[in-house]
Amino acid sequence: MDNKDAEKLFFIPFNTGGHWLLLAINPIREIVYYLDSLGNDWTTYPDMKVLIDTVLQAFRAQRDIQTSRRGANSITWIKVACPQQHSHRLL
């Protein structure tokens, strides 16, 4: 693995069922950056966490990366500041 791989980000739009947010994932460093215009914490979306845990497990398996027993708990979630939506109304 070279240094360039450690800095790659993969962008994933995620729909919560009525709201879109954006995830940028660095699978090598196990960092997930998320942008949510409603300002919610990532724990508000448990289905999203399950999806990301699964994606990172598949990535580790494909790259034959060993992890500690903490596994998915080692993922760092970082909330990125973004413009906020003040209403749930559709325009």
Protein backbone atom coordinates (compact mmCIF):
# COMPACT_ATOMS: atom_id res chain seq x y z
CA MET A 1 0.00 0.00 0.00
CA ASP A 2 1.42 3.37 -0.90
CA ASN A 3 0.66 6.72 0.72
CA LYS A 4 -1.79 7.68 -2.04
CA ASP A 5 -4.09 4.78 -1.10
CA ALA A 6 -4.21 5.96 2.51
CA GLU A 7 -5.68 9.29 1.39
CA LYS A 8 -8.34 8.07 -1.08
CA LEU A 9 -11.95 8.96 -0.33
CA PHE A 10 -15.02 7.20 -1.65
CA PHE A 11 -18.22 9.25 -1.78
CA ILE A 12 -21.56 7.63 -0.98
CA PRO A 13 -24.89 9.46 -1.08
CA PHE A 14 -27.25 7.95 1.50
CA ASN A 15 -31.03 8.32 1.65
CA THR A 16 -32.60 7.91 5.07
CA GLY A 17 -36.06 7.46 3.59
CA GLY A 18 -36.88 11.13 3.11
CA HIS A 19 -33.57 12.91 3.46
CA TRP A 20 -30.22 12.70 1.67
CA LEU A 21 -26.83 13.00 3.29
CA LEU A 22 -23.33 12.49 1.95
CA LEU A 23 -20.59 10.22 3.26
CA ALA A 24 -16.91 10.39 2.32
CA ILE A 25 -15.10 7.23 3.41
CA ASN A 26 -11.39 6.63 3.82
CA PRO A 27 -11.40 2.83 4.13
CA ILE A 28 -7.67 2.49 4.90
CA ARG A 29 -7.81 4.84 7.88
CA GLU A 30 -11.39 3.78 8.71
CA ILE A 31 -12.64 7.35 8.82
CA VAL A 32 -16.15 8.31 7.73
CA TYR A 33 -16.84 11.99 7.09
CA TYR A 34 -20.54 12.78 6.93
CA LEU A 35 -22.47 15.85 5.83
CA ASP A 36 -26.04 16.18 7.06
CA SER A 37 -27.99 19.33 6.23
CA LEU A 38 -30.35 18.59 9.14
CA GLY A 39 -27.42 18.69 11.55
CA ASN A 40 -28.14 15.28 13.09
CA ASP A 41 -25.51 13.10 14.71
CA TRP A 42 -24.57 9.97 12.73
CA THR A 43 -26.10 7.80 15.48
CA THR A 44 -29.51 9.09 14.32
CA TYR A 45 -29.21 6.75 11.32
CA PRO A 46 -28.58 3.17 12.54
CA ASP A 47 -29.18 1.69 9.05
CA MET A 48 -26.38 3.87 7.71
CA LYS A 49 -23.99 2.56 10.37
CA VAL A 50 -24.86 -1.05 9.50
CA LEU A 51 -24.22 -0.32 5.81
CA ILE A 52 -20.85 1.32 6.47
CA ASP A 53 -19.79 -1.45 8.86
CA THR A 54 -20.61 -3.99 6.13
CA VAL A 55 -18.77 -2.00 3.45
CA LEU A 56 -15.63 -1.71 5.59
CA GLN A 57 -15.75 -5.41 6.52
CA ALA A 58 -15.91 -6.30 2.82
CA PHE A 59 -13.03 -3.91 2.10
CA ARG A 60 -10.92 -5.50 4.86
CA ALA A 61 -11.70 -9.00 3.59
CA GLN A 62 -10.82 -8.07 0.01
CA ARG A 63 -7.51 -6.54 1.09
CA ASP A 64 -6.89 -9.27 3.69
CA ILE A 65 -6.61 -6.60 6.40
CA GLN A 66 -6.64 -7.92 9.95
CA THR A 67 -8.34 -5.84 12.63
CA SER A 68 -8.42 -5.94 16.38
CA ARG A 69 -11.40 -7.42 18.21
CA ARG A 70 -12.94 -3.97 18.28
CA GLY A 71 -13.58 -4.31 14.54
CA ALA A 72 -16.33 -1.96 13.42
CA ASN A 73 -16.06 -0.01 16.67
CA SER A 74 -12.71 1.34 15.49
CA ILE A 75 -14.39 3.45 12.79
CA THR A 76 -14.00 7.20 13.35
CA TRP A 77 -17.02 9.31 12.40
CA ILE A 78 -16.40 13.00 11.69
CA LYS A 79 -19.24 15.46 11.19
CA VAL A 80 -18.36 17.99 8.50
CA ALA A 81 -19.89 21.47 8.68
CA CYS A 82 -22.27 22.13 5.81
CA PRO A 83 -25.19 24.48 5.04
CA GLN A 84 -28.17 23.62 7.23
CA GLN A 85 -31.75 22.97 6.15
CA HIS A 86 -34.16 24.79 8.44
CA SER A 87 -37.32 23.02 7.34
CA HIS A 88 -38.40 19.57 6.21
CA ARG A 89 -40.68 21.16 3.59
CA LEU A 90 -40.11 20.40 -0.05
CA LEU A 91 -39.82 23.44 -2.27
